[in-house]
Amino acid sequence: MYNISGKFGNAERKDREMGHLYALDFDGVICDSCGETAISALKAAKLRWPPLFDGVDSTIKDWIVDQMITVRPVVETGYETLLLVRLLLETRVPSIRKSSVSEGLTVEDILENWFKLKPIIMEEWNENREELIDLFGKVRDDWLYSSKQSRFADALLRELAGSQGRSVKEASENARTPRADTTLILNSFVEDRLAILKNVVKEPELDNWNLYLVNWGFNTQKEREEAEANPRIQVIELSDFSSKLK
């Protein structure tokens, strides 16, 4: 006598569809924080260096906010936005210049050389990294009233990894989850920062992951061209990514 349930159970396992889970970066992929980041940075900079903003009119402030959106791809940590605000201000107001790099500096120069410029201005302005971090965080949170981004990101991590703060790599090891007739495998990572994806490429355990650089996030044309030349990374448009989720 056949064990009918066992026979069809094996067939079902063979025919089981393989689904995919996507690990999505939050800021730059799911949401665009450019506006609130630029405004928060301007507010914090005015508190940090009040005399520098004496006589600065709304036209210059609006220009700074616009330029902050352009240079957003270089920012890795929020405190850097204060430095960028002051540096942009120095390029427009010669009388307040304290750095050796601001004269003749363009937005393109900042995009190309930020990691060289940052330590120079930190030293010349005698700035403290931790104090800038605290100030930016306080001003941003006071302005937004609640840290919605942080709470949402924590919820996503808990859902994927089972505990707060695990890395993408750790989450992937716990994400093979049977659900109805589908096995879901976390094997696709969607980012807007090329540097992050290049680090993932270095991890042998993640060789089978699909890596996507979105073309709507905080990256530059030069970075997108570099990604297109990397066989492990796919540059993806919003419409193409949306179709993958259907």
C-alpha atoms as a PDB file:
ATOM      1  CA  MET A   1       0.000   0.000   0.000  1.00  0.00           C
ATOM      2  CA  TYR A   2       1.284   3.422  -0.940  1.00  0.00           C
ATOM      3  CA  ASN A   3       1.777   6.071   1.640  1.00  0.00           C
ATOM      4  CA  ILE A   4      -0.156   8.691  -0.324  1.00  0.00           C
ATOM      5  CA  SER A   5       0.736  11.582   1.914  1.00  0.00           C
ATOM      6  CA  GLY A   6       4.418  10.670   1.762  1.00  0.00           C
ATOM      7  CA  LYS A   7       4.396  10.234  -2.003  1.00  0.00           C
ATOM      8  CA  PHE A   8       2.790  13.558  -2.694  1.00  0.00           C
ATOM      9  CA  GLY A   9       4.793  15.180   0.073  1.00  0.00           C
ATOM     10  CA  ASN A  10       8.008  14.383  -1.827  1.00  0.00           C
ATOM     11  CA  ALA A  11       6.536  15.744  -5.039  1.00  0.00           C
ATOM     12  CA  GLU A  12       5.502  18.907  -3.306  1.00  0.00           C
ATOM     13  CA  ARG A  13       8.975  19.391  -1.941  1.00  0.00           C
ATOM     14  CA  LYS A  14      10.475  18.968  -5.409  1.00  0.00           C
ATOM     15  CA  ASP A  15       7.980  21.385  -6.920  1.00  0.00           C
ATOM     16  CA  ARG A  16       8.278  23.894  -4.138  1.00  0.00           C
ATOM     17  CA  GLU A  17       8.940  27.351  -5.503  1.00  0.00           C
ATOM     18  CA  MET A  18      12.003  29.193  -4.364  1.00  0.00           C
ATOM     19  CA  GLY A  19      11.205  32.733  -3.284  1.00  0.00           C
ATOM     20  CA  HIS A  20      13.646  35.545  -2.641  1.00  0.00           C
ATOM     21  CA  LEU A  21      13.953  37.992   0.216  1.00  0.00           C
ATOM     22  CA  TYR A  22      15.561  41.365  -0.471  1.00  0.00           C
ATOM     23  CA  ALA A  23      17.666  43.120   2.149  1.00  0.00           C
ATOM     24  CA  LEU A  24      17.030  46.807   1.503  1.00  0.00           C
ATOM     25  CA  ASP A  25      19.104  49.713   2.698  1.00  0.00           C
ATOM     26  CA  PHE A  26      16.805  52.223   4.380  1.00  0.00           C
ATOM     27  CA  ASP A  27      17.989  55.756   3.670  1.00  0.00           C
ATOM     28  CA  GLY A  28      18.501  56.207  -0.049  1.00  0.00           C
ATOM     29  CA  VAL A  29      16.590  53.116  -1.153  1.00  0.00           C
ATOM     30  CA  ILE A  30      13.325  53.106   0.803  1.00  0.00           C
ATOM     31  CA  CYS A  31      13.273  56.772   1.773  1.00  0.00           C
ATOM     32  CA  ASP A  32      14.970  60.022   0.785  1.00  0.00           C
ATOM     33  CA  SER A  33      16.207  61.989   3.794  1.00  0.00           C
ATOM     34  CA  CYS A  34      18.107  64.620   1.795  1.00  0.00           C
ATOM     35  CA  GLY A  35      15.728  67.426   2.653  1.00  0.00           C
ATOM     36  CA  GLU A  36      15.480  66.841   6.389  1.00  0.00           C
ATOM     37  CA  THR A  37      19.211  66.104   6.635  1.00  0.00           C
ATOM     38  CA  ALA A  38      20.161  69.339   4.868  1.00  0.00           C
ATOM     39  CA  ILE A  39      17.801  71.464   6.963  1.00  0.00           C
ATOM     40  CA  SER A  40      18.879  69.760  10.203  1.00  0.00           C
ATOM     41  CA  ALA A  41      22.531  70.318   9.297  1.00  0.00           C
ATOM     42  CA  LEU A  42      21.929  74.005   8.602  1.00  0.00           C
ATOM     43  CA  LYS A  43      20.116  74.439  11.931  1.00  0.00           C
ATOM     44  CA  ALA A  44      22.905  72.634  13.788  1.00  0.00           C
ATOM     45  CA  ALA A  45      25.644  74.620  12.028  1.00  0.00           C
ATOM     46  CA  LYS A  46      23.996  77.889  13.070  1.00  0.00           C
ATOM     47  CA  LEU A  47      24.093  76.691  16.683  1.00  0.00           C
ATOM     48  CA  ARG A  48      27.696  75.500  16.432  1.00  0.00           C
ATOM     49  CA  TRP A  49      29.095  78.608  14.731  1.00  0.00           C
ATOM     50  CA  PRO A  50      26.621  81.490  15.313  1.00  0.00           C
ATOM     51  CA  PRO A  51      28.944  84.354  14.279  1.00  0.00           C
ATOM     52  CA  LEU A  52      29.531  82.804  10.860  1.00  0.00           C
ATOM     53  CA  PHE A  53      25.861  83.200  10.002  1.00  0.00           C
ATOM     54  CA  ASP A  54      25.573  86.865  10.947  1.00  0.00           C
ATOM     55  CA  GLY A  55      24.256  88.660   7.898  1.00  0.00           C
ATOM     56  CA  VAL A  56      23.727  85.451   5.911  1.00  0.00           C
ATOM     57  CA  ASP A  57      20.445  85.938   4.063  1.00  0.00           C
ATOM     58  CA  SER A  58      17.815  83.396   3.028  1.00  0.00           C
ATOM     59  CA  THR A  59      19.149  83.258  -0.535  1.00  0.00           C
ATOM     60  CA  ILE A  60      22.495  81.860   0.620  1.00  0.00           C
ATOM     61  CA  LYS A  61      20.798  79.503   3.084  1.00  0.00           C
ATOM     62  CA  ASP A  62      18.545  78.146   0.335  1.00  0.00           C
ATOM     63  CA  TRP A  63      21.592  77.728  -1.901  1.00  0.00           C
ATOM     64  CA  ILE A  64      23.370  75.759   0.835  1.00  0.00           C
ATOM     65  CA  VAL A  65      20.382  73.416   1.234  1.00  0.00           C
ATOM     66  CA  ASP A  66      20.299  72.835  -2.534  1.00  0.00           C
ATOM     67  CA  GLN A  67      24.026  72.097  -2.659  1.00  0.00           C
ATOM     68  CA  MET A  68      23.753  69.784   0.343  1.00  0.00           C
ATOM     69  CA  ILE A  69      21.405  67.595  -1.688  1.00  0.00           C
ATOM     70  CA  THR A  70      24.012  67.436  -4.456  1.00  0.00           C
ATOM     71  CA  VAL A  71      26.900  66.488  -2.146  1.00  0.00           C
ATOM     72  CA  ARG A  72      24.821  64.030  -0.080  1.00  0.00           C
ATOM     73  CA  PRO A  73      26.518  60.946  -1.649  1.00  0.00           C
ATOM     74  CA  VAL A  74      29.783  61.662   0.209  1.00  0.00           C
ATOM     75  CA  VAL A  75      28.163  61.595   3.660  1.00  0.00           C
ATOM     76  CA  GLU A  76      28.760  58.448   5.696  1.00  0.00           C
ATOM     77  CA  THR A  77      27.922  59.826   9.152  1.00  0.00           C
ATOM     78  CA  GLY A  78      25.477  62.609   9.983  1.00  0.00           C
ATOM     79  CA  TYR A  79      27.997  64.921  11.652  1.00  0.00           C
ATOM     80  CA  GLU A  80      29.744  65.380   8.300  1.00  0.00           C
ATOM     81  CA  THR A  81      26.770  67.404   7.111  1.00  0.00           C
ATOM     82  CA  LEU A  82      27.690  70.210   9.526  1.00  0.00           C
ATOM     83  CA  LEU A  83      31.176  70.329   8.053  1.00  0.00           C
ATOM     84  CA  LEU A  84      29.730  70.475   4.556  1.00  0.00           C
ATOM     85  CA  VAL A  85      27.393  73.332   5.480  1.00  0.00           C
ATOM     86  CA  ARG A  86      30.267  75.389   6.850  1.00  0.00           C
ATOM     87  CA  LEU A  87      32.532  74.548   3.927  1.00  0.00           C
ATOM     88  CA  LEU A  88      29.854  75.569   1.425  1.00  0.00           C
ATOM     89  CA  LEU A  89      29.287  78.780   3.363  1.00  0.00           C
ATOM     90  CA  GLU A  90      33.004  79.582   3.232  1.00  0.00           C
ATOM     91  CA  THR A  91      32.976  79.200  -0.545  1.00  0.00           C
ATOM     92  CA  ARG A  92      30.279  81.895  -0.760  1.00  0.00           C
ATOM     93  CA  VAL A  93      31.420  84.267   2.012  1.00  0.00           C
ATOM     94  CA  PRO A  94      35.191  84.937   1.762  1.00  0.00           C
ATOM     95  CA  SER A  95      35.284  87.044   4.947  1.00  0.00           C
ATOM     96  CA  ILE A  96      34.583  84.041   7.205  1.00  0.00           C
ATOM     97  CA  ARG A  97      37.083  81.627   5.660  1.00  0.00           C
ATOM     98  CA  LYS A  98      39.207  79.725   8.158  1.00  0.00           C
ATOM     99  CA  SER A  99      40.167  76.748   6.028  1.00  0.00           C
ATOM    100  CA  SER A 100      42.890  76.535   3.418  1.00  0.00           C
ATOM    101  CA  VAL A 101      40.728  74.585   0.965  1.00  0.00           C
ATOM    102  CA  SER A 102      37.560  76.657   0.539  1.00  0.00           C
ATOM    103  CA  GLU A 103      38.799  79.276  -1.931  1.00  0.00           C
ATOM    104  CA  GLY A 104      37.817  78.256  -5.449  1.00  0.00           C
ATOM    105  CA  LEU A 105      36.313  74.994  -4.192  1.00  0.00           C
ATOM    106  CA  THR A 106      33.416  73.614  -6.255  1.00  0.00           C
ATOM    107  CA  VAL A 107      30.726  71.053  -5.542  1.00  0.00           C
ATOM    108  CA  GLU A 108      32.462  68.724  -7.994  1.00  0.00           C
ATOM    109  CA  ASP A 109      35.687  69.095  -5.987  1.00  0.00           C
ATOM    110  CA  ILE A 110      33.827  68.082  -2.834  1.00  0.00           C
ATOM    111  CA  LEU A 111      32.333  65.016  -4.517  1.00  0.00           C
ATOM    112  CA  GLU A 112      35.742  63.935  -5.787  1.00  0.00           C
ATOM    113  CA  ASN A 113      37.899  64.742  -2.751  1.00  0.00           C
ATOM    114  CA  TRP A 114      35.734  64.761   0.373  1.00  0.00           C
ATOM    115  CA  PHE A 115      37.756  62.107   2.198  1.00  0.00           C
ATOM    116  CA  LYS A 116      40.876  64.230   1.753  1.00  0.00           C
ATOM    117  CA  LEU A 117      39.142  67.499   2.610  1.00  0.00           C
ATOM    118  CA  LYS A 118      37.423  66.294   5.788  1.00  0.00           C
ATOM    119  CA  PRO A 119      40.518  65.757   7.983  1.00  0.00           C
ATOM    120  CA  ILE A 120      41.970  69.075   6.806  1.00  0.00           C
ATOM    121  CA  ILE A 121      38.967  71.164   7.827  1.00  0.00           C
ATOM    122  CA  MET A 122      38.474  69.209  11.051  1.00  0.00           C
ATOM    123  CA  GLU A 123      42.006  70.167  12.075  1.00  0.00           C
ATOM    124  CA  GLU A 124      41.907  73.752  10.814  1.00  0.00           C
ATOM    125  CA  TRP A 125      38.558  74.409  12.500  1.00  0.00           C
ATOM    126  CA  ASN A 126      39.707  72.567  15.643  1.00  0.00           C
ATOM    127  CA  GLU A 127      36.514  70.520  15.682  1.00  0.00           C
ATOM    128  CA  ASN A 128      35.493  67.606  17.883  1.00  0.00           C
ATOM    129  CA  ARG A 129      33.829  64.681  16.119  1.00  0.00           C
ATOM    130  CA  GLU A 130      31.816  63.443  19.108  1.00  0.00           C
ATOM    131  CA  GLU A 131      30.460  66.902  19.875  1.00  0.00           C
ATOM    132  CA  LEU A 132      29.341  67.323  16.270  1.00  0.00           C
ATOM    133  CA  ILE A 133      27.657  63.907  16.330  1.00  0.00           C
ATOM    134  CA  ASP A 134      25.756  64.772  19.511  1.00  0.00           C
ATOM    135  CA  LEU A 135      24.713  68.182  18.223  1.00  0.00           C
ATOM    136  CA  PHE A 136      23.471  66.935  14.868  1.00  0.00           C
ATOM    137  CA  GLY A 137      21.521  64.093  16.468  1.00  0.00           C
ATOM    138  CA  LYS A 138      19.858  66.381  19.001  1.00  0.00           C
ATOM    139  CA  VAL A 139      18.903  69.038  16.458  1.00  0.00           C
ATOM    140  CA  ARG A 140      17.564  66.489  13.986  1.00  0.00           C
ATOM    141  CA  ASP A 141      15.536  64.618  16.599  1.00  0.00           C
ATOM    142  CA  ASP A 142      14.179  67.820  18.148  1.00  0.00           C
ATOM    143  CA  TRP A 143      13.083  68.965  14.709  1.00  0.00           C
ATOM    144  CA  LEU A 144      11.485  65.656  13.734  1.00  0.00           C
ATOM    145  CA  TYR A 145      10.103  65.034  17.270  1.00  0.00           C
ATOM    146  CA  SER A 146      10.732  61.316  16.934  1.00  0.00           C
ATOM    147  CA  SER A 147      13.330  59.091  15.317  1.00  0.00           C
ATOM    148  CA  LYS A 148      10.958  57.256  12.978  1.00  0.00           C
ATOM    149  CA  GLN A 149      13.768  56.096  10.711  1.00  0.00           C
ATOM    150  CA  SER A 150      15.635  54.408  13.567  1.00  0.00           C
ATOM    151  CA  ARG A 151      12.548  52.636  14.888  1.00  0.00           C
ATOM    152  CA  PHE A 152      11.581  51.373  11.438  1.00  0.00           C
ATOM    153  CA  ALA A 153      15.104  50.139  10.683  1.00  0.00           C
ATOM    154  CA  ASP A 154      15.239  48.305  14.033  1.00  0.00           C
ATOM    155  CA  ALA A 155      11.908  46.642  13.269  1.00  0.00           C
ATOM    156  CA  LEU A 156      13.231  45.420   9.918  1.00  0.00           C
ATOM    157  CA  LEU A 157      16.368  44.010  11.532  1.00  0.00           C
ATOM    158  CA  ARG A 158      14.388  42.202  14.214  1.00  0.00           C
ATOM    159  CA  GLU A 159      12.124  40.690  11.569  1.00  0.00           C
ATOM    160  CA  LEU A 160      15.019  39.494   9.409  1.00  0.00           C
ATOM    161  CA  ALA A 161      17.629  38.574  11.976  1.00  0.00           C
ATOM    162  CA  GLY A 162      15.592  37.759  15.050  1.00  0.00           C
ATOM    163  CA  SER A 163      17.417  40.322  17.165  1.00  0.00           C
ATOM    164  CA  GLN A 164      18.375  43.961  17.019  1.00  0.00           C
ATOM    165  CA  GLY A 165      21.643  44.955  15.396  1.00  0.00           C
ATOM    166  CA  ARG A 166      22.715  41.827  13.511  1.00  0.00           C
ATOM    167  CA  SER A 167      24.630  42.331  10.298  1.00  0.00           C
ATOM    168  CA  VAL A 168      23.293  41.481   6.846  1.00  0.00           C
ATOM    169  CA  LYS A 169      25.628  38.493   6.811  1.00  0.00           C
ATOM    170  CA  GLU A 170      24.260  37.218  10.137  1.00  0.00           C
ATOM    171  CA  ALA A 171      20.703  37.842   9.011  1.00  0.00           C
ATOM    172  CA  SER A 172      21.276  35.788   5.873  1.00  0.00           C
ATOM    173  CA  GLU A 173      22.266  32.775   7.961  1.00  0.00           C
ATOM    174  CA  ASN A 174      18.895  32.862   9.720  1.00  0.00           C
ATOM    175  CA  ALA A 175      16.613  33.770   6.845  1.00  0.00           C
ATOM    176  CA  ARG A 176      15.933  30.383   5.213  1.00  0.00           C
ATOM    177  CA  THR A 177      12.353  30.203   6.414  1.00  0.00           C
ATOM    178  CA  PRO A 178       9.698  27.714   5.190  1.00  0.00           C
ATOM    179  CA  ARG A 179       6.421  29.516   4.616  1.00  0.00           C
ATOM    180  CA  ALA A 180       3.470  27.621   3.122  1.00  0.00           C
ATOM    181  CA  ASP A 181       4.779  26.113  -0.152  1.00  0.00           C
ATOM    182  CA  THR A 182       7.646  28.547  -0.572  1.00  0.00           C
ATOM    183  CA  THR A 183      11.160  28.600   0.804  1.00  0.00           C
ATOM    184  CA  LEU A 184      12.303  32.186   1.233  1.00  0.00           C
ATOM    185  CA  ILE A 185      16.012  32.802   0.930  1.00  0.00           C
ATOM    186  CA  LEU A 186      17.641  36.092   1.823  1.00  0.00           C
ATOM    187  CA  ASN A 187      20.117  36.363  -1.040  1.00  0.00           C
ATOM    188  CA  SER A 188      19.609  39.787  -2.603  1.00  0.00           C
ATOM    189  CA  PHE A 189      21.037  43.027  -1.255  1.00  0.00           C
ATOM    190  CA  VAL A 190      19.804  46.395  -2.530  1.00  0.00           C
ATOM    191  CA  GLU A 191      21.989  49.418  -1.732  1.00  0.00           C
ATOM    192  CA  ASP A 192      22.546  52.974  -2.889  1.00  0.00           C
ATOM    193  CA  ARG A 193      26.176  53.174  -1.729  1.00  0.00           C
ATOM    194  CA  LEU A 194      28.761  51.514  -3.945  1.00  0.00           C
ATOM    195  CA  ALA A 195      31.340  51.267  -1.143  1.00  0.00           C
ATOM    196  CA  ILE A 196      29.015  49.011   0.868  1.00  0.00           C
ATOM    197  CA  LEU A 197      28.464  46.662  -2.063  1.00  0.00           C
ATOM    198  CA  LYS A 198      32.205  46.496  -2.749  1.00  0.00           C
ATOM    199  CA  ASN A 199      32.687  45.314   0.834  1.00  0.00           C
ATOM    200  CA  VAL A 200      30.033  42.627   0.335  1.00  0.00           C
ATOM    201  CA  VAL A 201      31.872  41.423  -2.776  1.00  0.00           C
ATOM    202  CA  LYS A 202      34.904  40.733  -0.566  1.00  0.00           C
ATOM    203  CA  GLU A 203      32.934  38.240   1.563  1.00  0.00           C
ATOM    204  CA  PRO A 204      33.305  34.703   0.103  1.00  0.00           C
ATOM    205  CA  GLU A 205      30.246  33.518   2.052  1.00  0.00           C
ATOM    206  CA  LEU A 206      28.099  35.947   0.056  1.00  0.00           C
ATOM    207  CA  ASP A 207      29.299  34.942  -3.413  1.00  0.00           C
ATOM    208  CA  ASN A 208      25.838  33.672  -4.326  1.00  0.00           C
ATOM    209  CA  TRP A 209      24.085  36.917  -3.410  1.00  0.00           C
ATOM    210  CA  ASN A 210      22.530  39.202  -5.996  1.00  0.00           C
ATOM    211  CA  LEU A 211      23.891  42.707  -5.455  1.00  0.00           C
ATOM    212  CA  TYR A 212      21.985  45.735  -6.716  1.00  0.00           C
ATOM    213  CA  LEU A 213      23.003  49.392  -6.802  1.00  0.00           C
ATOM    214  CA  VAL A 214      19.927  51.578  -7.212  1.00  0.00           C
ATOM    215  CA  ASN A 215      20.175  54.528  -9.559  1.00  0.00           C
ATOM    216  CA  TRP A 216      17.831  56.694  -7.486  1.00  0.00           C
ATOM    217  CA  GLY A 217      19.826  56.779  -4.246  1.00  0.00           C
ATOM    218  CA  PHE A 218      22.785  58.703  -2.865  1.00  0.00           C
ATOM    219  CA  ASN A 219      25.366  57.875  -5.513  1.00  0.00           C
ATOM    220  CA  THR A 220      27.022  59.642  -8.415  1.00  0.00           C
ATOM    221  CA  GLN A 221      27.170  58.952 -12.131  1.00  0.00           C
ATOM    222  CA  LYS A 222      30.829  57.998 -11.756  1.00  0.00           C
ATOM    223  CA  GLU A 223      29.945  55.410  -9.089  1.00  0.00           C
ATOM    224  CA  ARG A 224      27.159  53.976 -11.237  1.00  0.00           C
ATOM    225  CA  GLU A 225      29.577  53.592 -14.138  1.00  0.00           C
ATOM    226  CA  GLU A 226      32.064  51.830 -11.853  1.00  0.00           C
ATOM    227  CA  ALA A 227      29.316  49.496 -10.644  1.00  0.00           C
ATOM    228  CA  GLU A 228      28.299  48.655 -14.210  1.00  0.00           C
ATOM    229  CA  ALA A 229      31.874  47.529 -14.860  1.00  0.00           C
ATOM    230  CA  ASN A 230      31.765  45.157 -11.871  1.00  0.00           C
ATOM    231  CA  PRO A 231      30.383  41.725 -12.851  1.00  0.00           C
ATOM    232  CA  ARG A 232      29.047  41.123  -9.331  1.00  0.00           C
ATOM    233  CA  ILE A 233      26.928  44.284  -9.160  1.00  0.00           C
ATOM    234  CA  GLN A 234      23.833  45.202 -11.132  1.00  0.00           C
ATOM    235  CA  VAL A 235      22.707  48.819 -11.479  1.00  0.00           C
ATOM    236  CA  ILE A 236      18.938  48.810 -11.298  1.00  0.00           C
ATOM    237  CA  GLU A 237      16.198  51.340 -12.023  1.00  0.00           C
ATOM    238  CA  LEU A 238      13.143  51.744  -9.819  1.00  0.00           C
ATOM    239  CA  SER A 239      10.783  50.338 -12.450  1.00  0.00           C
ATOM    240  CA  ASP A 240      12.932  47.213 -12.892  1.00  0.00           C
ATOM    241  CA  PHE A 241      13.197  46.664  -9.163  1.00  0.00           C
ATOM    242  CA  SER A 242       9.451  47.108  -8.702  1.00  0.00           C
ATOM    243  CA  SER A 243       8.823  44.396 -11.279  1.00  0.00           C
ATOM    244  CA  LYS A 244      10.981  41.966  -9.266  1.00  0.00           C
ATOM    245  CA  LEU A 245       8.686  42.379  -6.273  1.00  0.00           C
ATOM    246  CA  LYS A 246       5.524  41.366  -8.130  1.00  0.00           C
END
